[in-house]
Amino acid sequence: MRVYIAGKYDDENVVKVLANIRRGVHMAAHLMLNGYDIYCPFLDFQLAFVDCGSLLTKQMFQKNSLAWVDVSDAILVLPGWETSGGTKREIARAKDLGIPVCFSRAELDHIRRARYEGKI
């Protein structure tokens, strides 16, 4: 099951940004260990390290992320998302497409079980 991990990325200082990244990457690793296929936009920062990385804009990152929302089976929204404009757009896009939006790991696991039991 393909899961898009959504949540607050940007923040008021670099320490908080790194904490947000850590939270997203941590969840990605745990989901992979449990058999999910993930897209983790929290790993996007790595693109800044390549020679053309400085040419990438926030809008480019957000456009790329929304393309992955479109092909996901579910969205998992991490705590603290409420002040993130990007996460709000991802949630809205998923809802427009009828993609389940989960706000907890238990909710995501429930959707996976239902999907494999043929209930959704």
PDB file of N, CA and C in Angstrom:
ATOM      1  N   MET A   1       0.836  -1.170   0.000  1.00  0.00           N
ATOM      2  CA  MET A   1       0.000   0.000   0.000  1.00  0.00           C
ATOM      3  C   MET A   1       0.887   1.241   0.000  1.00  0.00           C
ATOM      4  N   ARG A   2       0.637   2.152  -0.931  1.00  0.00           N
ATOM      5  CA  ARG A   2       1.449   3.367  -1.069  1.00  0.00           C
ATOM      6  C   ARG A   2       0.930   4.456  -0.129  1.00  0.00           C
ATOM      7  N   VAL A   3       1.814   4.926   0.732  1.00  0.00           N
ATOM      8  CA  VAL A   3       1.439   5.932   1.730  1.00  0.00           C
ATOM      9  C   VAL A   3       2.290   7.177   1.557  1.00  0.00           C
ATOM     10  N   TYR A   4       1.619   8.298   1.469  1.00  0.00           N
ATOM     11  CA  TYR A   4       2.272   9.602   1.432  1.00  0.00           C
ATOM     12  C   TYR A   4       2.312  10.132   2.861  1.00  0.00           C
ATOM     13  N   ILE A   5       3.487  10.513   3.326  1.00  0.00           N
ATOM     14  CA  ILE A   5       3.641  11.019   4.694  1.00  0.00           C
ATOM     15  C   ILE A   5       3.610  12.540   4.652  1.00  0.00           C
ATOM     16  N   ALA A   6       2.573  13.105   5.238  1.00  0.00           N
ATOM     17  CA  ALA A   6       2.380  14.554   5.229  1.00  0.00           C
ATOM     18  C   ALA A   6       2.620  15.113   6.628  1.00  0.00           C
ATOM     19  N   GLY A   7       3.049  16.359   6.671  1.00  0.00           N
ATOM     20  CA  GLY A   7       3.231  17.010   7.962  1.00  0.00           C
ATOM     21  C   GLY A   7       4.007  18.302   7.819  1.00  0.00           C
ATOM     22  N   LYS A   8       4.087  19.007   8.898  1.00  0.00           N
ATOM     23  CA  LYS A   8       4.777  20.291   8.917  1.00  0.00           C
ATOM     24  C   LYS A   8       6.263  20.082   8.649  1.00  0.00           C
ATOM     25  N   TYR A   9       6.798  20.842   7.724  1.00  0.00           N
ATOM     26  CA  TYR A   9       8.214  20.781   7.362  1.00  0.00           C
ATOM     27  C   TYR A   9       8.901  22.061   7.822  1.00  0.00           C
ATOM     28  N   ASP A  10       8.460  23.169   7.264  1.00  0.00           N
ATOM     29  CA  ASP A  10       9.054  24.476   7.571  1.00  0.00           C
ATOM     30  C   ASP A  10       8.704  24.876   9.008  1.00  0.00           C
ATOM     31  N   ASP A  11       9.550  25.735   9.587  1.00  0.00           N
ATOM     32  CA  ASP A  11       9.288  26.172  10.952  1.00  0.00           C
ATOM     33  C   ASP A  11      10.041  27.459  11.216  1.00  0.00           C
ATOM     34  N   GLU A  12       9.971  27.941  12.440  1.00  0.00           N
ATOM     35  CA  GLU A  12      10.531  29.259  12.773  1.00  0.00           C
ATOM     36  C   GLU A  12      12.054  29.282  12.891  1.00  0.00           C
ATOM     37  N   ASN A  13      12.691  28.121  13.069  1.00  0.00           N
ATOM     38  CA  ASN A  13      14.150  28.086  13.101  1.00  0.00           C
ATOM     39  C   ASN A  13      14.637  26.717  12.637  1.00  0.00           C
ATOM     40  N   VAL A  14      15.920  26.648  12.356  1.00  0.00           N
ATOM     41  CA  VAL A  14      16.492  25.434  11.765  1.00  0.00           C
ATOM     42  C   VAL A  14      16.391  24.228  12.700  1.00  0.00           C
ATOM     43  N   VAL A  15      16.469  24.440  13.990  1.00  0.00           N
ATOM     44  CA  VAL A  15      16.367  23.325  14.932  1.00  0.00           C
ATOM     45  C   VAL A  15      14.980  22.683  14.837  1.00  0.00           C
ATOM     46  N   LYS A  16      13.943  23.516  14.744  1.00  0.00           N
ATOM     47  CA  LYS A  16      12.586  22.989  14.621  1.00  0.00           C
ATOM     48  C   LYS A  16      12.353  22.347  13.257  1.00  0.00           C
ATOM     49  N   VAL A  17      12.946  22.904  12.207  1.00  0.00           N
ATOM     50  CA  VAL A  17      12.844  22.285  10.882  1.00  0.00           C
ATOM     51  C   VAL A  17      13.465  20.892  10.928  1.00  0.00           C
ATOM     52  N   LEU A  18      14.640  20.781  11.528  1.00  0.00           N
ATOM     53  CA  LEU A  18      15.301  19.473  11.619  1.00  0.00           C
ATOM     54  C   LEU A  18      14.486  18.490  12.457  1.00  0.00           C
ATOM     55  N   ALA A  19      13.833  18.969  13.495  1.00  0.00           N
ATOM     56  CA  ALA A  19      12.969  18.102  14.306  1.00  0.00           C
ATOM     57  C   ALA A  19      11.789  17.605  13.471  1.00  0.00           C
ATOM     58  N   ASN A  20      11.227  18.481  12.637  1.00  0.00           N
ATOM     59  CA  ASN A  20      10.128  18.073  11.756  1.00  0.00           C
ATOM     60  C   ASN A  20      10.593  17.031  10.753  1.00  0.00           C
ATOM     61  N   ILE A  21      11.772  17.248  10.181  1.00  0.00           N
ATOM     62  CA  ILE A  21      12.335  16.283   9.231  1.00  0.00           C
ATOM     63  C   ILE A  21      12.550  14.944   9.918  1.00  0.00           C
ATOM     64  N   ARG A  22      13.115  14.982  11.104  1.00  0.00           N
ATOM     65  CA  ARG A  22      13.371  13.747  11.850  1.00  0.00           C
ATOM     66  C   ARG A  22      12.072  12.981  12.085  1.00  0.00           C
ATOM     67  N   ARG A  23      11.029  13.687  12.471  1.00  0.00           N
ATOM     68  CA  ARG A  23       9.725  13.049  12.737  1.00  0.00           C
ATOM     69  C   ARG A  23       9.215  12.352  11.476  1.00  0.00           C
ATOM     70  N   GLY A  24       9.319  13.038  10.331  1.00  0.00           N
ATOM     71  CA  GLY A  24       8.841  12.451   9.083  1.00  0.00           C
ATOM     72  C   GLY A  24       9.655  11.251   8.637  1.00  0.00           C
ATOM     73  N   VAL A  25      10.969  11.356   8.734  1.00  0.00           N
ATOM     74  CA  VAL A  25      11.846  10.259   8.324  1.00  0.00           C
ATOM     75  C   VAL A  25      11.676   9.064   9.265  1.00  0.00           C
ATOM     76  N   HIS A  26      11.527   9.345  10.542  1.00  0.00           N
ATOM     77  CA  HIS A  26      11.298   8.285  11.537  1.00  0.00           C
ATOM     78  C   HIS A  26      10.038   7.486  11.175  1.00  0.00           C
ATOM     79  N   MET A  27       8.958   8.192  10.863  1.00  0.00           N
ATOM     80  CA  MET A  27       7.721   7.513  10.498  1.00  0.00           C
ATOM     81  C   MET A  27       7.910   6.722   9.203  1.00  0.00           C
ATOM     82  N   ALA A  28       8.612   7.296   8.239  1.00  0.00           N
ATOM     83  CA  ALA A  28       8.851   6.599   6.976  1.00  0.00           C
ATOM     84  C   ALA A  28       9.550   5.267   7.208  1.00  0.00           C
ATOM     85  N   ALA A  29      10.585   5.273   8.025  1.00  0.00           N
ATOM     86  CA  ALA A  29      11.325   4.039   8.302  1.00  0.00           C
ATOM     87  C   ALA A  29      10.428   3.002   8.967  1.00  0.00           C
ATOM     88  N   HIS A  30       9.628   3.435   9.919  1.00  0.00           N
ATOM     89  CA  HIS A  30       8.736   2.491  10.611  1.00  0.00           C
ATOM     90  C   HIS A  30       7.673   1.915   9.673  1.00  0.00           C
ATOM     91  N   LEU A  31       7.152   2.759   8.802  1.00  0.00           N
ATOM     92  CA  LEU A  31       6.165   2.246   7.855  1.00  0.00           C
ATOM     93  C   LEU A  31       6.791   1.241   6.899  1.00  0.00           C
ATOM     94  N   MET A  32       7.986   1.540   6.417  1.00  0.00           N
ATOM     95  CA  MET A  32       8.668   0.596   5.522  1.00  0.00           C
ATOM     96  C   MET A  32       8.926  -0.730   6.228  1.00  0.00           C
ATOM     97  N   LEU A  33       9.338  -0.670   7.487  1.00  0.00           N
ATOM     98  CA  LEU A  33       9.577  -1.898   8.257  1.00  0.00           C
ATOM     99  C   LEU A  33       8.307  -2.729   8.417  1.00  0.00           C
ATOM    100  N   ASN A  34       7.165  -2.079   8.273  1.00  0.00           N
ATOM    101  CA  ASN A  34       5.884  -2.759   8.420  1.00  0.00           C
ATOM    102  C   ASN A  34       5.196  -3.012   7.083  1.00  0.00           C
ATOM    103  N   GLY A  35       5.969  -2.977   6.003  1.00  0.00           N
ATOM    104  CA  GLY A  35       5.460  -3.402   4.710  1.00  0.00           C
ATOM    105  C   GLY A  35       4.773  -2.356   3.861  1.00  0.00           C
ATOM    106  N   TYR A  36       4.779  -1.115   4.293  1.00  0.00           N
ATOM    107  CA  TYR A  36       4.192  -0.055   3.479  1.00  0.00           C
ATOM    108  C   TYR A  36       5.208   0.441   2.457  1.00  0.00           C
ATOM    109  N   ASP A  37       4.715   0.912   1.337  1.00  0.00           N
ATOM    110  CA  ASP A  37       5.531   1.613   0.348  1.00  0.00           C
ATOM    111  C   ASP A  37       5.284   3.092   0.592  1.00  0.00           C
ATOM    112  N   ILE A  38       6.334   3.865   0.756  1.00  0.00           N
ATOM    113  CA  ILE A  38       6.150   5.240   1.211  1.00  0.00           C
ATOM    114  C   ILE A  38       6.713   6.269   0.240  1.00  0.00           C
ATOM    115  N   TYR A  39       6.126   7.449   0.290  1.00  0.00           N
ATOM    116  CA  TYR A  39       6.755   8.643  -0.280  1.00  0.00           C
ATOM    117  C   TYR A  39       6.931   9.591   0.887  1.00  0.00           C
ATOM    118  N   CYS A  40       8.162  10.027   1.109  1.00  0.00           N
ATOM    119  CA  CYS A  40       8.507  10.848   2.263  1.00  0.00           C
ATOM    120  C   CYS A  40       9.091  12.185   1.806  1.00  0.00           C
ATOM    121  N   PRO A  41       8.265  13.230   1.701  1.00  0.00           N
ATOM    122  CA  PRO A  41       8.778  14.529   1.275  1.00  0.00           C
ATOM    123  C   PRO A  41       9.772  15.141   2.269  1.00  0.00           C
ATOM    124  N   PHE A  42       9.858  14.565   3.453  1.00  0.00           N
ATOM    125  CA  PHE A  42      10.827  15.051   4.431  1.00  0.00           C
ATOM    126  C   PHE A  42      12.266  14.761   4.005  1.00  0.00           C
ATOM    127  N   LEU A  43      12.421  13.930   2.995  1.00  0.00           N
ATOM    128  CA  LEU A  43      13.760  13.647   2.467  1.00  0.00           C
ATOM    129  C   LEU A  43      14.148  14.591   1.334  1.00  0.00           C
ATOM    130  N   ASP A  44      13.262  15.491   0.959  1.00  0.00           N
ATOM    131  CA  ASP A  44      13.524  16.417  -0.147  1.00  0.00           C
ATOM    132  C   ASP A  44      14.740  17.307   0.086  1.00  0.00           C
ATOM    133  N   PHE A  45      15.064  17.578   1.333  1.00  0.00           N
ATOM    134  CA  PHE A  45      16.197  18.469   1.622  1.00  0.00           C
ATOM    135  C   PHE A  45      17.477  17.990   0.951  1.00  0.00           C
ATOM    136  N   GLN A  46      17.585  16.713   0.697  1.00  0.00           N
ATOM    137  CA  GLN A  46      18.802  16.162   0.097  1.00  0.00           C
ATOM    138  C   GLN A  46      19.048  16.706  -1.313  1.00  0.00           C
ATOM    139  N   LEU A  47      17.996  17.121  -1.977  1.00  0.00           N
ATOM    140  CA  LEU A  47      18.153  17.668  -3.329  1.00  0.00           C
ATOM    141  C   LEU A  47      18.913  18.992  -3.329  1.00  0.00           C
ATOM    142  N   ALA A  48      18.962  19.662  -2.200  1.00  0.00           N
ATOM    143  CA  ALA A  48      19.705  20.922  -2.106  1.00  0.00           C
ATOM    144  C   ALA A  48      21.212  20.693  -2.173  1.00  0.00           C
ATOM    145  N   PHE A  49      21.658  19.474  -1.965  1.00  0.00           N
ATOM    146  CA  PHE A  49      23.091  19.179  -1.936  1.00  0.00           C
ATOM    147  C   PHE A  49      23.713  18.912  -3.299  1.00  0.00           C
ATOM    148  N   VAL A  50      22.898  18.807  -4.340  1.00  0.00           N
ATOM    149  CA  VAL A  50      23.449  18.578  -5.672  1.00  0.00           C
ATOM    150  C   VAL A  50      23.757  19.915  -6.336  1.00  0.00           C
ATOM    151  N   ASP A  51      24.565  19.884  -7.378  1.00  0.00           N
ATOM    152  CA  ASP A  51      25.038  21.136  -7.977  1.00  0.00           C
ATOM    153  C   ASP A  51      23.925  22.049  -8.472  1.00  0.00           C
ATOM    154  N   CYS A  52      22.798  21.507  -8.893  1.00  0.00           N
ATOM    155  CA  CYS A  52      21.701  22.361  -9.373  1.00  0.00           C
ATOM    156  C   CYS A  52      20.633  22.570  -8.305  1.00  0.00           C
ATOM    157  N   GLY A  53      20.869  22.088  -7.110  1.00  0.00           N
ATOM    158  CA  GLY A  53      19.885  22.166  -6.033  1.00  0.00           C
ATOM    159  C   GLY A  53      19.442  23.570  -5.701  1.00  0.00           C
ATOM    160  N   SER A  54      20.341  24.535  -5.860  1.00  0.00           N
ATOM    161  CA  SER A  54      19.980  25.917  -5.528  1.00  0.00           C
ATOM    162  C   SER A  54      18.952  26.495  -6.506  1.00  0.00           C
ATOM    163  N   LEU A  55      18.748  25.831  -7.634  1.00  0.00           N
ATOM    164  CA  LEU A  55      17.772  26.298  -8.619  1.00  0.00           C
ATOM    165  C   LEU A  55      16.348  25.834  -8.295  1.00  0.00           C
ATOM    166  N   LEU A  56      16.239  24.868  -7.398  1.00  0.00           N
ATOM    167  CA  LEU A  56      14.927  24.339  -7.044  1.00  0.00           C
ATOM    168  C   LEU A  56      14.214  25.308  -6.105  1.00  0.00           C
ATOM    169  N   THR A  57      12.946  25.555  -6.387  1.00  0.00           N
ATOM    170  CA  THR A  57      12.167  26.480  -5.573  1.00  0.00           C
ATOM    171  C   THR A  57      11.184  25.713  -4.688  1.00  0.00           C
ATOM    172  N   LYS A  58      10.669  26.401  -3.694  1.00  0.00           N
ATOM    173  CA  LYS A  58       9.666  25.805  -2.818  1.00  0.00           C
ATOM    174  C   LYS A  58       8.456  25.342  -3.633  1.00  0.00           C
ATOM    175  N   GLN A  59       8.081  26.131  -4.640  1.00  0.00           N
ATOM    176  CA  GLN A  59       6.951  25.768  -5.494  1.00  0.00           C
ATOM    177  C   GLN A  59       7.223  24.472  -6.259  1.00  0.00           C
ATOM    178  N   MET A  60       8.461  24.279  -6.695  1.00  0.00           N
ATOM    179  CA  MET A  60       8.821  23.041  -7.396  1.00  0.00           C
ATOM    180  C   MET A  60       8.691  21.827  -6.469  1.00  0.00           C
ATOM    181  N   PHE A  61       9.175  21.989  -5.243  1.00  0.00           N
ATOM    182  CA  PHE A  61       9.055  20.894  -4.273  1.00  0.00           C
ATOM    183  C   PHE A  61       7.587  20.573  -4.006  1.00  0.00           C
ATOM    184  N   GLN A  62       6.775  21.599  -3.827  1.00  0.00           N
ATOM    185  CA  GLN A  62       5.365  21.376  -3.520  1.00  0.00           C
ATOM    186  C   GLN A  62       4.621  20.756  -4.702  1.00  0.00           C
ATOM    187  N   LYS A  63       4.939  21.185  -5.913  1.00  0.00           N
ATOM    188  CA  LYS A  63       4.326  20.591  -7.109  1.00  0.00           C
ATOM    189  C   LYS A  63       4.690  19.110  -7.209  1.00  0.00           C
ATOM    190  N   ASN A  64       5.947  18.799  -6.966  1.00  0.00           N
ATOM    191  CA  ASN A  64       6.407  17.413  -7.008  1.00  0.00           C
ATOM    192  C   ASN A  64       5.681  16.569  -5.959  1.00  0.00           C
ATOM    193  N   SER A  65       5.562  17.111  -4.761  1.00  0.00           N
ATOM    194  CA  SER A  65       4.889  16.378  -3.690  1.00  0.00           C
ATOM    195  C   SER A  65       3.436  16.086  -4.042  1.00  0.00           C
ATOM    196  N   LEU A  66       2.726  17.077  -4.557  1.00  0.00           N
ATOM    197  CA  LEU A  66       1.317  16.868  -4.903  1.00  0.00           C
ATOM    198  C   LEU A  66       1.154  15.792  -5.968  1.00  0.00           C
ATOM    199  N   ALA A  67       2.114  15.655  -6.864  1.00  0.00           N
ATOM    200  CA  ALA A  67       2.047  14.594  -7.870  1.00  0.00           C
ATOM    201  C   ALA A  67       2.071  13.223  -7.201  1.00  0.00           C
ATOM    202  N   TRP A  68       2.787  13.095  -6.093  1.00  0.00           N
ATOM    203  CA  TRP A  68       2.845  11.827  -5.366  1.00  0.00           C
ATOM    204  C   TRP A  68       1.598  11.596  -4.533  1.00  0.00           C
ATOM    205  N   VAL A  69       0.977  12.663  -4.063  1.00  0.00           N
ATOM    206  CA  VAL A  69      -0.318  12.514  -3.392  1.00  0.00           C
ATOM    207  C   VAL A  69      -1.292  11.847  -4.357  1.00  0.00           C
ATOM    208  N   ASP A  70      -1.275  12.293  -5.608  1.00  0.00           N
ATOM    209  CA  ASP A  70      -2.214  11.802  -6.623  1.00  0.00           C
ATOM    210  C   ASP A  70      -2.162  10.290  -6.818  1.00  0.00           C
ATOM    211  N   VAL A  71      -1.032   9.667  -6.588  1.00  0.00           N
ATOM    212  CA  VAL A  71      -0.897   8.227  -6.838  1.00  0.00           C
ATOM    213  C   VAL A  71      -0.776   7.413  -5.554  1.00  0.00           C
ATOM    214  N   SER A  72      -1.062   8.037  -4.434  1.00  0.00           N
ATOM    215  CA  SER A  72      -0.988   7.336  -3.154  1.00  0.00           C
ATOM    216  C   SER A  72      -2.296   6.616  -2.855  1.00  0.00           C
ATOM    217  N   ASP A  73      -2.194   5.563  -2.060  1.00  0.00           N
ATOM    218  CA  ASP A  73      -3.383   4.840  -1.613  1.00  0.00           C
ATOM    219  C   ASP A  73      -3.951   5.451  -0.339  1.00  0.00           C
ATOM    220  N   ALA A  74      -3.108   6.164   0.395  1.00  0.00           N
ATOM    221  CA  ALA A  74      -3.531   6.827   1.630  1.00  0.00           C
ATOM    222  C   ALA A  74      -2.508   7.897   1.979  1.00  0.00           C
ATOM    223  N   ILE A  75      -2.954   8.855   2.785  1.00  0.00           N
ATOM    224  CA  ILE A  75      -2.082   9.899   3.305  1.00  0.00           C
ATOM    225  C   ILE A  75      -2.040   9.723   4.811  1.00  0.00           C
ATOM    226  N   LEU A  76      -0.848   9.736   5.379  1.00  0.00           N
ATOM    227  CA  LEU A  76      -0.698   9.726   6.835  1.00  0.00           C
ATOM    228  C   LEU A  76      -0.212  11.106   7.245  1.00  0.00           C
ATOM    229  N   VAL A  77      -1.019  11.805   8.035  1.00  0.00           N
ATOM    230  CA  VAL A  77      -0.707  13.160   8.465  1.00  0.00           C
ATOM    231  C   VAL A  77      -0.127  13.103   9.872  1.00  0.00           C
ATOM    232  N   LEU A  78       1.068  13.665  10.023  1.00  0.00           N
ATOM    233  CA  LEU A  78       1.751  13.649  11.314  1.00  0.00           C
ATOM    234  C   LEU A  78       1.245  14.762  12.226  1.00  0.00           C
ATOM    235  N   PRO A  79       1.343  14.578  13.539  1.00  0.00           N
ATOM    236  CA  PRO A  79       0.916  15.612  14.479  1.00  0.00           C
ATOM    237  C   PRO A  79       1.653  16.936  14.236  1.00  0.00           C
ATOM    238  N   GLY A  80       0.962  18.034  14.519  1.00  0.00           N
ATOM    239  CA  GLY A  80       1.548  19.358  14.350  1.00  0.00           C
ATOM    240  C   GLY A  80       1.331  19.972  12.989  1.00  0.00           C
ATOM    241  N   TRP A  81       0.528  19.360  12.150  1.00  0.00           N
ATOM    242  CA  TRP A  81       0.308  19.790  10.771  1.00  0.00           C
ATOM    243  C   TRP A  81      -0.569  21.036  10.663  1.00  0.00           C
ATOM    244  N   GLU A  82      -1.285  21.379  11.711  1.00  0.00           N
ATOM    245  CA  GLU A  82      -2.341  22.389  11.643  1.00  0.00           C
ATOM    246  C   GLU A  82      -1.890  23.761  11.139  1.00  0.00           C
ATOM    247  N   THR A  83      -0.626  24.099  11.292  1.00  0.00           N
ATOM    248  CA  THR A  83      -0.140  25.409  10.834  1.00  0.00           C
ATOM    249  C   THR A  83       0.615  25.320   9.511  1.00  0.00           C
ATOM    250  N   SER A  84       0.563  24.169   8.861  1.00  0.00           N
ATOM    251  CA  SER A  84       1.288  23.961   7.612  1.00  0.00           C
ATOM    252  C   SER A  84       0.369  24.139   6.412  1.00  0.00           C
ATOM    253  N   GLY A  85       0.592  25.200   5.648  1.00  0.00           N
ATOM    254  CA  GLY A  85      -0.190  25.431   4.440  1.00  0.00           C
ATOM    255  C   GLY A  85      -0.010  24.314   3.426  1.00  0.00           C
ATOM    256  N   GLY A  86       1.221  23.812   3.299  1.00  0.00           N
ATOM    257  CA  GLY A  86       1.480  22.723   2.357  1.00  0.00           C
ATOM    258  C   GLY A  86       0.715  21.466   2.720  1.00  0.00           C
ATOM    259  N   THR A  87       0.697  21.131   4.005  1.00  0.00           N
ATOM    260  CA  THR A  87      -0.031  19.939   4.442  1.00  0.00           C
ATOM    261  C   THR A  87      -1.526  20.112   4.220  1.00  0.00           C
ATOM    262  N   LYS A  88      -2.029  21.310   4.457  1.00  0.00           N
ATOM    263  CA  LYS A  88      -3.457  21.563   4.214  1.00  0.00           C
ATOM    264  C   LYS A  88      -3.797  21.343   2.742  1.00  0.00           C
ATOM    265  N   ARG A  89      -2.911  21.776   1.849  1.00  0.00           N
ATOM    266  CA  ARG A  89      -3.137  21.561   0.411  1.00  0.00           C
ATOM    267  C   ARG A  89      -3.080  20.071   0.071  1.00  0.00           C
ATOM    268  N   GLU A  90      -2.152  19.336   0.685  1.00  0.00           N
ATOM    269  CA  GLU A  90      -2.044  17.893   0.439  1.00  0.00           C
ATOM    270  C   GLU A  90      -3.306  17.172   0.909  1.00  0.00           C
ATOM    271  N   ILE A  91      -3.810  17.549   2.078  1.00  0.00           N
ATOM    272  CA  ILE A  91      -5.036  16.939   2.598  1.00  0.00           C
ATOM    273  C   ILE A  91      -6.209  17.239   1.661  1.00  0.00           C
ATOM    274  N   ALA A  92      -6.325  18.492   1.243  1.00  0.00           N
ATOM    275  CA  ALA A  92      -7.423  18.879   0.341  1.00  0.00           C
ATOM    276  C   ALA A  92      -7.342  18.103  -0.966  1.00  0.00           C
ATOM    277  N   ARG A  93      -6.139  17.971  -1.515  1.00  0.00           N
ATOM    278  CA  ARG A  93      -5.964  17.241  -2.776  1.00  0.00           C
ATOM    279  C   ARG A  93      -6.371  15.784  -2.603  1.00  0.00           C
ATOM    280  N   ALA A  94      -5.929  15.162  -1.515  1.00  0.00           N
ATOM    281  CA  ALA A  94      -6.285  13.767  -1.260  1.00  0.00           C
ATOM    282  C   ALA A  94      -7.799  13.605  -1.140  1.00  0.00           C
ATOM    283  N   LYS A  95      -8.431  14.497  -0.405  1.00  0.00           N
ATOM    284  CA  LYS A  95      -9.886  14.406  -0.246  1.00  0.00           C
ATOM    285  C   LYS A  95     -10.596  14.595  -1.577  1.00  0.00           C
ATOM    286  N   ASP A  96     -10.110  15.521  -2.399  1.00  0.00           N
ATOM    287  CA  ASP A  96     -10.700  15.733  -3.731  1.00  0.00           C
ATOM    288  C   ASP A  96     -10.625  14.467  -4.575  1.00  0.00           C
ATOM    289  N   LEU A  97      -9.556  13.705  -4.393  1.00  0.00           N
ATOM    290  CA  LEU A  97      -9.345  12.491  -5.183  1.00  0.00           C
ATOM    291  C   LEU A  97      -9.926  11.237  -4.525  1.00  0.00           C
ATOM    292  N   GLY A  98     -10.510  11.395  -3.349  1.00  0.00           N
ATOM    293  CA  GLY A  98     -11.081  10.248  -2.641  1.00  0.00           C
ATOM    294  C   GLY A  98     -10.036   9.356  -1.990  1.00  0.00           C
ATOM    295  N   ILE A  99      -8.860   9.903  -1.738  1.00  0.00           N
ATOM    296  CA  ILE A  99      -7.780   9.152  -1.094  1.00  0.00           C
ATOM    297  C   ILE A  99      -7.945   9.286   0.422  1.00  0.00           C
ATOM    298  N   PRO A 100      -7.944   8.180   1.159  1.00  0.00           N
ATOM    299  CA  PRO A 100      -8.103   8.260   2.606  1.00  0.00           C
ATOM    300  C   PRO A 100      -6.999   9.105   3.255  1.00  0.00           C
ATOM    301  N   VAL A 101      -7.411   9.949   4.195  1.00  0.00           N
ATOM    302  CA  VAL A 101      -6.487  10.782   4.962  1.00  0.00           C
ATOM    303  C   VAL A 101      -6.530  10.283   6.400  1.00  0.00           C
ATOM    304  N   CYS A 102      -5.385   9.798   6.881  1.00  0.00           N
ATOM    305  CA  CYS A 102      -5.295   9.229   8.227  1.00  0.00           C
ATOM    306  C   CYS A 102      -4.505  10.167   9.128  1.00  0.00           C
ATOM    307  N   PHE A 103      -4.951  10.266  10.365  1.00  0.00           N
ATOM    308  CA  PHE A 103      -4.275  11.122  11.323  1.00  0.00           C
ATOM    309  C   PHE A 103      -3.608  10.320  12.432  1.00  0.00           C
ATOM    310  N   SER A 104      -3.568   9.001  12.256  1.00  0.00           N
ATOM    311  CA  SER A 104      -2.856   8.143  13.216  1.00  0.00           C
ATOM    312  C   SER A 104      -2.413   6.876  12.503  1.00  0.00           C
ATOM    313  N   ARG A 105      -1.425   6.252  13.071  1.00  0.00           N
ATOM    314  CA  ARG A 105      -0.931   4.985  12.528  1.00  0.00           C
ATOM    315  C   ARG A 105      -2.003   3.903  12.637  1.00  0.00           C
ATOM    316  N   ALA A 106      -2.764   3.928  13.728  1.00  0.00           N
ATOM    317  CA  ALA A 106      -3.834   2.940  13.907  1.00  0.00           C
ATOM    318  C   ALA A 106      -4.885   3.069  12.808  1.00  0.00           C
ATOM    319  N   GLU A 107      -5.213   4.291  12.454  1.00  0.00           N
ATOM    320  CA  GLU A 107      -6.183   4.536  11.386  1.00  0.00           C
ATOM    321  C   GLU A 107      -5.653   4.017  10.047  1.00  0.00           C
ATOM    322  N   LEU A 108      -4.365   4.249   9.785  1.00  0.00           N
ATOM    323  CA  LEU A 108      -3.742   3.755   8.560  1.00  0.00           C
ATOM    324  C   LEU A 108      -3.760   2.227   8.519  1.00  0.00           C
ATOM    325  N   ASP A 109      -3.390   1.591   9.617  1.00  0.00           N
ATOM    326  CA  ASP A 109      -3.388   0.131   9.683  1.00  0.00           C
ATOM    327  C   ASP A 109      -4.794  -0.429   9.458  1.00  0.00           C
ATOM    328  N   HIS A 110      -5.798   0.242   9.996  1.00  0.00           N
ATOM    329  CA  HIS A 110      -7.187  -0.175   9.811  1.00  0.00           C
ATOM    330  C   HIS A 110      -7.567  -0.135   8.324  1.00  0.00           C
ATOM    331  N   ILE A 111      -7.181   0.927   7.657  1.00  0.00           N
ATOM    332  CA  ILE A 111      -7.480   1.052   6.220  1.00  0.00           C
ATOM    333  C   ILE A 111      -6.779  -0.042   5.433  1.00  0.00           C
ATOM    334  N   ARG A 112      -5.530  -0.341   5.795  1.00  0.00           N
ATOM    335  CA  ARG A 112      -4.819  -1.414   5.084  1.00  0.00           C
ATOM    336  C   ARG A 112      -5.511  -2.758   5.289  1.00  0.00           C
ATOM    337  N   ARG A 113      -5.895  -3.053   6.524  1.00  0.00           N
ATOM    338  CA  ARG A 113      -6.592  -4.320   6.788  1.00  0.00           C
ATOM    339  C   ARG A 113      -7.902  -4.397   5.989  1.00  0.00           C
ATOM    340  N   ALA A 114      -8.656  -3.307   6.004  1.00  0.00           N
ATOM    341  CA  ALA A 114      -9.936  -3.275   5.271  1.00  0.00           C
ATOM    342  C   ALA A 114      -9.708  -3.456   3.771  1.00  0.00           C
ATOM    343  N   ARG A 115      -8.664  -2.849   3.270  1.00  0.00           N
ATOM    344  CA  ARG A 115      -8.363  -2.939   1.841  1.00  0.00           C
ATOM    345  C   ARG A 115      -8.037  -4.385   1.448  1.00  0.00           C
ATOM    346  N   TYR A 116      -7.232  -5.052   2.269  1.00  0.00           N
ATOM    347  CA  TYR A 116      -6.846  -6.419   1.932  1.00  0.00           C
ATOM    348  C   TYR A 116      -7.953  -7.422   2.209  1.00  0.00           C
ATOM    349  N   GLU A 117      -8.905  -7.043   3.052  1.00  0.00           N
ATOM    350  CA  GLU A 117     -10.061  -7.924   3.291  1.00  0.00           C
ATOM    351  C   GLU A 117     -11.163  -7.655   2.279  1.00  0.00           C
ATOM    352  N   GLY A 118     -10.928  -6.704   1.371  1.00  0.00           N
ATOM    353  CA  GLY A 118     -11.892  -6.397   0.326  1.00  0.00           C
ATOM    354  C   GLY A 118     -13.056  -5.528   0.771  1.00  0.00           C
ATOM    355  N   LYS A 119     -12.902  -4.851   1.909  1.00  0.00           N
ATOM    356  CA  LYS A 119     -13.989  -4.022   2.416  1.00  0.00           C
ATOM    357  C   LYS A 119     -13.971  -2.613   1.838  1.00  0.00           C
ATOM    358  N   ILE A 120     -12.840  -2.209   1.247  1.00  0.00           N
ATOM    359  CA  ILE A 120     -12.784  -0.911   0.565  1.00  0.00           C
ATOM    360  C   ILE A 120     -12.017  -1.069  -0.727  1.00  0.00           C
TER     361      ILE A 120
END
